[in-house]
Amino acid sequence: MELLIAADYRGFELKKKILVFLKKEGYEPTDLGCYDGKENDYNDSAVIVARAVRRNLEARGILICDSAHGMSIQANRFKGIRACNCDSVESAKMAREHDNANILCLSAHFVDEEKAKKIITTFLTTKFEPLERRLRRVNRLDEREDYDL
């Protein structure tokens, strides 16, 4: 599985630790930035990973910023991307099983290293359960409708 990871400056330190963990677990993650921990916009990291996952829909992405909210919002603007902000093992499991999430967003503020490892392991090892209702719902995520509100 192609695994892509990026962070903004607030997620930089956690990303470094996660990269070491992933390599020890046998993964070969591609680090897409940031590389120095200097201030940068979370948008840039989210766009890079979302575009890379779109090129290979079998890939998985991991994004890390302070709250994980901005990363999730930015990544989900891309068709085919299902980015979920997960702060527990249970939420990561459901993101994969129910929503076929392909990008995990982590908060460096609310999730410590040990919890992040457990969440990531769950995210990477849990399979989507393609029940008819779940397939229907996931497929609807990429519908485009203009609402006149």
N, C-alpha and C. Protein backbone atom coordinates (compact mmCIF):
# COMPACT_ATOMS: atom_id res chain seq x y z
N MET A 1 0.85 -1.18 0.00
CA MET A 1 0.00 0.00 0.00
C MET A 1 0.89 1.24 0.00
N GLU A 2 0.61 2.13 -0.94
CA GLU A 2 1.32 3.41 -0.95
C GLU A 2 0.80 4.23 0.23
N LEU A 3 1.72 4.79 1.02
CA LEU A 3 1.37 5.55 2.21
C LEU A 3 2.04 6.91 2.14
N LEU A 4 1.23 7.96 2.18
CA LEU A 4 1.71 9.33 2.04
C LEU A 4 1.42 10.09 3.32
N ILE A 5 2.38 10.84 3.79
CA ILE A 5 2.22 11.56 5.05
C ILE A 5 2.75 12.98 4.92
N ALA A 6 2.03 13.91 5.55
CA ALA A 6 2.46 15.30 5.56
C ALA A 6 1.91 15.98 6.81
N ALA A 7 2.54 17.09 7.15
CA ALA A 7 2.13 17.86 8.32
C ALA A 7 2.40 19.33 8.07
N ASP A 8 1.73 20.16 8.85
CA ASP A 8 2.12 21.56 8.88
C ASP A 8 3.13 21.71 10.02
N TYR A 9 3.52 22.93 10.31
CA TYR A 9 4.55 23.13 11.32
C TYR A 9 4.12 22.67 12.71
N ARG A 10 2.82 22.70 13.00
CA ARG A 10 2.34 22.27 14.32
C ARG A 10 2.33 20.74 14.44
N GLY A 11 2.27 20.04 13.32
CA GLY A 11 2.29 18.59 13.34
C GLY A 11 3.64 17.98 13.03
N PHE A 12 4.63 18.84 12.78
CA PHE A 12 5.95 18.40 12.34
C PHE A 12 6.60 17.40 13.30
N GLU A 13 6.62 17.70 14.58
CA GLU A 13 7.30 16.82 15.56
C GLU A 13 6.61 15.46 15.65
N LEU A 14 5.28 15.45 15.68
CA LEU A 14 4.56 14.18 15.73
C LEU A 14 4.80 13.40 14.44
N LYS A 15 4.83 14.09 13.31
CA LYS A 15 5.08 13.41 12.03
C LYS A 15 6.42 12.70 12.04
N LYS A 16 7.45 13.32 12.58
CA LYS A 16 8.78 12.70 12.63
C LYS A 16 8.73 11.38 13.42
N LYS A 17 8.01 11.39 14.54
CA LYS A 17 7.90 10.19 15.37
C LYS A 17 7.08 9.11 14.65
N ILE A 18 6.04 9.53 13.96
CA ILE A 18 5.18 8.59 13.24
C ILE A 18 5.93 7.95 12.08
N LEU A 19 6.77 8.71 11.40
CA LEU A 19 7.56 8.14 10.31
C LEU A 19 8.47 7.01 10.82
N VAL A 20 9.11 7.22 11.96
CA VAL A 20 9.97 6.19 12.55
C VAL A 20 9.13 4.95 12.88
N PHE A 21 7.98 5.16 13.51
CA PHE A 21 7.07 4.07 13.86
C PHE A 21 6.63 3.28 12.63
N LEU A 22 6.21 3.99 11.59
CA LEU A 22 5.72 3.32 10.38
C LEU A 22 6.81 2.47 9.73
N LYS A 23 8.02 2.97 9.70
CA LYS A 23 9.13 2.22 9.11
C LYS A 23 9.42 0.96 9.93
N LYS A 24 9.36 1.08 11.26
CA LYS A 24 9.56 -0.10 12.12
C LYS A 24 8.48 -1.13 11.91
N GLU A 25 7.28 -0.68 11.54
CA GLU A 25 6.14 -1.58 11.30
C GLU A 25 6.16 -2.19 9.90
N GLY A 26 7.16 -1.82 9.09
CA GLY A 26 7.30 -2.40 7.77
C GLY A 26 6.71 -1.59 6.63
N TYR A 27 6.18 -0.42 6.93
CA TYR A 27 5.64 0.45 5.89
C TYR A 27 6.78 1.27 5.28
N GLU A 28 6.54 1.76 4.08
CA GLU A 28 7.50 2.65 3.41
C GLU A 28 6.79 3.96 3.10
N PRO A 29 6.58 4.78 4.12
CA PRO A 29 5.83 6.03 3.91
C PRO A 29 6.62 7.04 3.09
N THR A 30 5.89 7.79 2.29
CA THR A 30 6.50 8.90 1.55
C THR A 30 6.19 10.18 2.30
N ASP A 31 7.24 10.87 2.70
CA ASP A 31 7.10 12.13 3.45
C ASP A 31 6.95 13.27 2.45
N LEU A 32 5.77 13.90 2.47
CA LEU A 32 5.50 15.00 1.53
C LEU A 32 5.57 16.38 2.18
N GLY A 33 6.19 16.47 3.34
CA GLY A 33 6.43 17.77 3.97
C GLY A 33 5.60 17.96 5.23
N CYS A 34 5.74 19.05 5.89
CA CYS A 34 6.83 19.99 5.85
C CYS A 34 8.10 19.33 6.41
N TYR A 35 9.24 19.89 6.06
CA TYR A 35 10.49 19.22 6.36
C TYR A 35 11.33 19.91 7.43
N ASP A 36 10.90 21.08 7.90
CA ASP A 36 11.75 21.80 8.85
C ASP A 36 11.01 22.35 10.07
N GLY A 37 9.73 22.21 10.14
CA GLY A 37 8.99 22.69 11.29
C GLY A 37 8.79 24.20 11.32
N LYS A 38 9.15 24.87 10.25
CA LYS A 38 8.92 26.32 10.18
C LYS A 38 7.48 26.57 9.78
N GLU A 39 6.97 27.71 10.17
CA GLU A 39 5.56 28.01 9.93
C GLU A 39 5.21 27.89 8.45
N ASN A 40 4.12 27.16 8.21
CA ASN A 40 3.58 27.01 6.87
C ASN A 40 2.07 26.79 7.01
N ASP A 41 1.36 26.89 5.93
CA ASP A 41 -0.09 26.72 5.96
C ASP A 41 -0.46 25.25 5.84
N TYR A 42 -1.40 24.82 6.66
CA TYR A 42 -1.86 23.43 6.60
C TYR A 42 -2.44 23.10 5.23
N ASN A 43 -2.97 24.08 4.54
CA ASN A 43 -3.58 23.86 3.23
C ASN A 43 -2.61 23.19 2.26
N ASP A 44 -1.37 23.66 2.27
CA ASP A 44 -0.39 23.13 1.31
C ASP A 44 -0.16 21.63 1.51
N SER A 45 0.00 21.21 2.75
CA SER A 45 0.22 19.79 3.04
C SER A 45 -1.00 18.96 2.66
N ALA A 46 -2.18 19.45 2.97
CA ALA A 46 -3.41 18.72 2.67
C ALA A 46 -3.60 18.56 1.16
N VAL A 47 -3.32 19.59 0.41
CA VAL A 47 -3.47 19.54 -1.05
C VAL A 47 -2.50 18.53 -1.65
N ILE A 48 -1.26 18.53 -1.20
CA ILE A 48 -0.25 17.61 -1.74
C ILE A 48 -0.67 16.16 -1.51
N VAL A 49 -1.12 15.84 -0.31
CA VAL A 49 -1.51 14.46 -0.01
C VAL A 49 -2.80 14.09 -0.73
N ALA A 50 -3.77 14.99 -0.74
CA ALA A 50 -5.04 14.69 -1.43
C ALA A 50 -4.81 14.43 -2.91
N ARG A 51 -3.98 15.22 -3.55
CA ARG A 51 -3.69 14.99 -4.97
C ARG A 51 -2.98 13.67 -5.19
N ALA A 52 -2.07 13.32 -4.30
CA ALA A 52 -1.33 12.05 -4.44
C ALA A 52 -2.27 10.86 -4.25
N VAL A 53 -3.19 10.94 -3.29
CA VAL A 53 -4.13 9.85 -3.08
C VAL A 53 -5.09 9.75 -4.26
N ARG A 54 -5.48 10.87 -4.83
CA ARG A 54 -6.36 10.83 -6.02
C ARG A 54 -5.71 10.12 -7.19
N ARG A 55 -4.40 10.23 -7.31
CA ARG A 55 -3.68 9.55 -8.39
C ARG A 55 -3.64 8.04 -8.18
N ASN A 56 -3.75 7.60 -6.93
CA ASN A 56 -3.74 6.17 -6.61
C ASN A 56 -4.77 5.94 -5.51
N LEU A 57 -5.97 5.60 -5.91
CA LEU A 57 -7.06 5.47 -4.94
C LEU A 57 -6.90 4.28 -4.01
N GLU A 58 -5.88 3.46 -4.21
CA GLU A 58 -5.56 2.39 -3.26
C GLU A 58 -4.61 2.89 -2.18
N ALA A 59 -4.09 4.08 -2.34
CA ALA A 59 -3.15 4.66 -1.38
C ALA A 59 -3.90 5.13 -0.13
N ARG A 60 -3.14 5.39 0.91
CA ARG A 60 -3.67 5.99 2.13
C ARG A 60 -2.80 7.19 2.47
N GLY A 61 -3.45 8.19 3.05
CA GLY A 61 -2.74 9.39 3.47
C GLY A 61 -2.90 9.62 4.96
N ILE A 62 -1.92 10.30 5.52
CA ILE A 62 -1.97 10.74 6.91
C ILE A 62 -1.58 12.21 6.92
N LEU A 63 -2.43 13.03 7.52
CA LEU A 63 -2.18 14.46 7.65
C LEU A 63 -2.18 14.82 9.13
N ILE A 64 -1.23 15.67 9.53
CA ILE A 64 -1.13 16.05 10.94
C ILE A 64 -0.99 17.56 11.05
N CYS A 65 -1.88 18.16 11.82
CA CYS A 65 -1.76 19.59 12.13
C CYS A 65 -2.22 19.79 13.58
N ASP A 66 -2.42 21.00 13.99
CA ASP A 66 -2.74 21.28 15.39
C ASP A 66 -4.06 20.64 15.80
N SER A 67 -5.14 20.95 15.11
CA SER A 67 -6.46 20.41 15.46
C SER A 67 -6.92 19.30 14.53
N ALA A 68 -6.38 19.22 13.35
CA ALA A 68 -6.76 18.31 12.27
C ALA A 68 -8.02 18.78 11.56
N HIS A 69 -8.62 19.84 11.99
CA HIS A 69 -9.83 20.34 11.35
C HIS A 69 -9.54 20.92 9.97
N GLY A 70 -8.59 21.83 9.89
CA GLY A 70 -8.28 22.47 8.62
C GLY A 70 -7.80 21.49 7.58
N MET A 71 -6.96 20.55 8.00
CA MET A 71 -6.46 19.52 7.08
C MET A 71 -7.63 18.72 6.50
N SER A 72 -8.54 18.32 7.36
CA SER A 72 -9.69 17.53 6.94
C SER A 72 -10.56 18.31 5.97
N ILE A 73 -10.84 19.55 6.30
CA ILE A 73 -11.68 20.38 5.44
C ILE A 73 -11.03 20.56 4.07
N GLN A 74 -9.73 20.89 4.06
CA GLN A 74 -9.03 21.12 2.79
C GLN A 74 -8.98 19.85 1.95
N ALA A 75 -8.61 18.74 2.54
CA ALA A 75 -8.47 17.48 1.77
C ALA A 75 -9.81 17.05 1.19
N ASN A 76 -10.88 17.24 1.93
CA ASN A 76 -12.19 16.80 1.47
C ASN A 76 -12.76 17.63 0.33
N ARG A 77 -12.09 18.66 -0.08
CA ARG A 77 -12.54 19.45 -1.23
C ARG A 77 -12.22 18.76 -2.55
N PHE A 78 -11.48 17.67 -2.48
CA PHE A 78 -11.08 16.93 -3.68
C PHE A 78 -11.99 15.73 -3.88
N LYS A 79 -12.52 15.62 -5.09
CA LYS A 79 -13.36 14.48 -5.44
C LYS A 79 -12.58 13.18 -5.22
N GLY A 80 -13.22 12.21 -4.62
CA GLY A 80 -12.58 10.93 -4.37
C GLY A 80 -11.86 10.84 -3.04
N ILE A 81 -11.75 11.95 -2.37
CA ILE A 81 -11.05 11.97 -1.07
C ILE A 81 -12.08 11.90 0.04
N ARG A 82 -11.78 11.03 1.00
CA ARG A 82 -12.61 10.89 2.20
C ARG A 82 -11.67 10.97 3.38
N ALA A 83 -11.44 12.20 3.83
CA ALA A 83 -10.52 12.46 4.94
C ALA A 83 -11.32 12.57 6.23
N CYS A 84 -10.85 11.85 7.24
CA CYS A 84 -11.54 11.84 8.53
C CYS A 84 -10.59 12.25 9.65
N ASN A 85 -11.07 13.12 10.50
CA ASN A 85 -10.36 13.54 11.69
C ASN A 85 -10.68 12.53 12.78
N CYS A 86 -9.70 11.72 13.14
CA CYS A 86 -9.93 10.65 14.12
C CYS A 86 -9.08 10.91 15.37
N ASP A 87 -9.74 10.87 16.52
CA ASP A 87 -9.02 11.05 17.77
C ASP A 87 -9.13 9.84 18.68
N SER A 88 -9.62 8.72 18.13
CA SER A 88 -9.71 7.48 18.89
C SER A 88 -9.58 6.30 17.94
N VAL A 89 -9.25 5.16 18.50
CA VAL A 89 -9.17 3.93 17.72
C VAL A 89 -10.54 3.61 17.14
N GLU A 90 -11.59 3.81 17.93
CA GLU A 90 -12.95 3.52 17.48
C GLU A 90 -13.34 4.38 16.28
N SER A 91 -13.00 5.66 16.32
CA SER A 91 -13.36 6.52 15.19
C SER A 91 -12.58 6.15 13.94
N ALA A 92 -11.33 5.75 14.09
CA ALA A 92 -10.53 5.31 12.94
C ALA A 92 -11.11 4.03 12.33
N LYS A 93 -11.53 3.12 13.19
CA LYS A 93 -12.13 1.87 12.72
C LYS A 93 -13.41 2.15 11.93
N MET A 94 -14.25 3.00 12.46
CA MET A 94 -15.50 3.31 11.76
C MET A 94 -15.25 4.11 10.49
N ALA A 95 -14.25 4.98 10.49
CA ALA A 95 -13.93 5.75 9.29
C ALA A 95 -13.59 4.82 8.14
N ARG A 96 -12.86 3.75 8.43
CA ARG A 96 -12.51 2.78 7.39
C ARG A 96 -13.67 1.85 7.06
N GLU A 97 -14.28 1.23 8.08
CA GLU A 97 -15.34 0.25 7.85
C GLU A 97 -16.57 0.86 7.20
N HIS A 98 -16.99 2.02 7.67
CA HIS A 98 -18.26 2.60 7.24
C HIS A 98 -18.11 3.58 6.08
N ASP A 99 -17.01 4.33 6.06
CA ASP A 99 -16.88 5.44 5.10
C ASP A 99 -15.77 5.25 4.08
N ASN A 100 -15.03 4.16 4.18
CA ASN A 100 -13.92 3.90 3.27
C ASN A 100 -12.97 5.10 3.20
N ALA A 101 -12.69 5.69 4.36
CA ALA A 101 -11.80 6.85 4.43
C ALA A 101 -10.44 6.49 3.85
N ASN A 102 -9.87 7.42 3.11
CA ASN A 102 -8.55 7.17 2.53
C ASN A 102 -7.48 8.13 3.03
N ILE A 103 -7.87 9.10 3.84
CA ILE A 103 -6.90 9.99 4.49
C ILE A 103 -7.29 10.12 5.96
N LEU A 104 -6.31 9.87 6.82
CA LEU A 104 -6.47 10.04 8.26
C LEU A 104 -5.89 11.38 8.65
N CYS A 105 -6.69 12.18 9.35
CA CYS A 105 -6.23 13.47 9.86
C CYS A 105 -6.07 13.36 11.36
N LEU A 106 -4.90 13.73 11.85
CA LEU A 106 -4.59 13.65 13.27
C LEU A 106 -4.28 15.02 13.85
N SER A 107 -4.71 15.21 15.08
CA SER A 107 -4.42 16.43 15.82
C SER A 107 -3.18 16.25 16.67
N ALA A 108 -2.16 17.07 16.45
CA ALA A 108 -0.97 17.03 17.28
C ALA A 108 -1.24 17.63 18.65
N HIS A 109 -2.32 18.37 18.76
CA HIS A 109 -2.68 19.01 20.04
C HIS A 109 -3.45 18.04 20.94
N PHE A 110 -4.35 17.25 20.38
CA PHE A 110 -5.23 16.40 21.17
C PHE A 110 -4.83 14.92 21.23
N VAL A 111 -3.90 14.50 20.35
CA VAL A 111 -3.51 13.09 20.27
C VAL A 111 -2.01 12.98 20.52
N ASP A 112 -1.63 12.22 21.54
CA ASP A 112 -0.21 12.04 21.81
C ASP A 112 0.36 10.92 20.93
N GLU A 113 1.66 10.73 21.01
CA GLU A 113 2.34 9.78 20.12
C GLU A 113 1.80 8.36 20.26
N GLU A 114 1.63 7.87 21.46
CA GLU A 114 1.17 6.50 21.66
C GLU A 114 -0.24 6.29 21.12
N LYS A 115 -1.11 7.25 21.38
CA LYS A 115 -2.47 7.15 20.87
C LYS A 115 -2.47 7.23 19.34
N ALA A 116 -1.63 8.10 18.80
CA ALA A 116 -1.53 8.25 17.34
C ALA A 116 -1.12 6.92 16.70
N LYS A 117 -0.19 6.22 17.30
CA LYS A 117 0.26 4.93 16.76
C LYS A 117 -0.89 3.93 16.70
N LYS A 118 -1.69 3.88 17.76
CA LYS A 118 -2.82 2.96 17.79
C LYS A 118 -3.88 3.34 16.76
N ILE A 119 -4.15 4.63 16.64
CA ILE A 119 -5.12 5.10 15.65
C ILE A 119 -4.65 4.77 14.24
N ILE A 120 -3.39 5.04 13.97
CA ILE A 120 -2.83 4.78 12.64
C ILE A 120 -2.87 3.29 12.31
N THR A 121 -2.46 2.46 13.25
CA THR A 121 -2.49 1.01 13.03
C THR A 121 -3.90 0.55 12.69
N THR A 122 -4.87 1.04 13.42
CA THR A 122 -6.26 0.68 13.15
C THR A 122 -6.69 1.17 11.78
N PHE A 123 -6.35 2.40 11.45
CA PHE A 123 -6.72 2.98 10.16
C PHE A 123 -6.12 2.18 9.00
N LEU A 124 -4.88 1.75 9.14
CA LEU A 124 -4.20 1.07 8.05
C LEU A 124 -4.57 -0.41 7.93
N THR A 125 -5.08 -1.00 8.99
CA THR A 125 -5.38 -2.43 8.95
C THR A 125 -6.86 -2.76 8.83
N THR A 126 -7.72 -1.77 9.03
CA THR A 126 -9.16 -2.02 8.95
C THR A 126 -9.63 -1.92 7.51
N LYS A 127 -10.41 -2.88 7.11
CA LYS A 127 -10.95 -2.91 5.74
C LYS A 127 -12.34 -2.29 5.70
N PHE A 128 -12.66 -1.73 4.55
CA PHE A 128 -14.00 -1.22 4.29
C PHE A 128 -14.96 -2.40 4.20
N GLU A 129 -16.10 -2.27 4.82
CA GLU A 129 -17.14 -3.29 4.73
C GLU A 129 -18.16 -2.83 3.68
N PRO A 130 -18.10 -3.40 2.48
CA PRO A 130 -18.91 -2.90 1.35
C PRO A 130 -20.37 -3.34 1.37
N LEU A 131 -21.04 -3.06 2.47
CA LEU A 131 -22.47 -3.31 2.50
C LEU A 131 -23.16 -2.38 1.52
N GLU A 132 -24.28 -2.79 0.98
CA GLU A 132 -24.98 -1.98 -0.03
C GLU A 132 -25.22 -0.56 0.45
N ARG A 133 -25.68 -0.38 1.67
CA ARG A 133 -25.98 0.96 2.17
C ARG A 133 -24.71 1.81 2.30
N ARG A 134 -23.60 1.17 2.66
CA ARG A 134 -22.35 1.92 2.79
C ARG A 134 -21.80 2.31 1.42
N LEU A 135 -21.86 1.40 0.47
CA LEU A 135 -21.44 1.72 -0.90
C LEU A 135 -22.26 2.89 -1.45
N ARG A 136 -23.57 2.83 -1.24
CA ARG A 136 -24.46 3.89 -1.73
C ARG A 136 -24.07 5.24 -1.10
N ARG A 137 -23.85 5.24 0.18
CA ARG A 137 -23.53 6.48 0.88
C ARG A 137 -22.17 7.04 0.46
N VAL A 138 -21.18 6.16 0.37
CA VAL A 138 -19.84 6.61 -0.04
C VAL A 138 -19.88 7.16 -1.46
N ASN A 139 -20.59 6.49 -2.35
CA ASN A 139 -20.70 6.97 -3.73
C ASN A 139 -21.37 8.33 -3.80
N ARG A 140 -22.31 8.59 -2.91
CA ARG A 140 -23.00 9.87 -2.92
C ARG A 140 -22.10 11.04 -2.50
N LEU A 141 -21.00 10.75 -1.84
CA LEU A 141 -20.11 11.82 -1.38
C LEU A 141 -19.55 12.64 -2.53
N ASP A 142 -19.43 12.04 -3.69
CA ASP A 142 -18.86 12.75 -4.82
C ASP A 142 -19.90 13.33 -5.77
N GLU A 143 -21.17 13.26 -5.39
CA GLU A 143 -22.19 13.90 -6.20
C GLU A 143 -22.02 15.41 -6.08
N ARG A 144 -22.31 16.08 -7.15
CA ARG A 144 -22.26 17.54 -7.11
C ARG A 144 -23.67 18.06 -7.39
N GLU A 145 -24.13 18.80 -6.47
CA GLU A 145 -25.44 19.45 -6.64
C GLU A 145 -25.29 20.90 -6.24
N ASP A 146 -25.88 21.74 -7.00
CA ASP A 146 -25.90 23.16 -6.64
C ASP A 146 -27.19 23.43 -5.90
N TYR A 147 -27.05 23.85 -4.70
CA TYR A 147 -28.22 24.12 -3.89
C TYR A 147 -28.53 25.60 -3.93
N ASP A 148 -29.77 25.91 -4.11
CA ASP A 148 -30.21 27.29 -4.11
C ASP A 148 -30.86 27.55 -2.77
N LEU A 149 -30.05 27.90 -1.80
CA LEU A 149 -30.56 28.10 -0.45
C LEU A 149 -30.92 29.56 -0.19
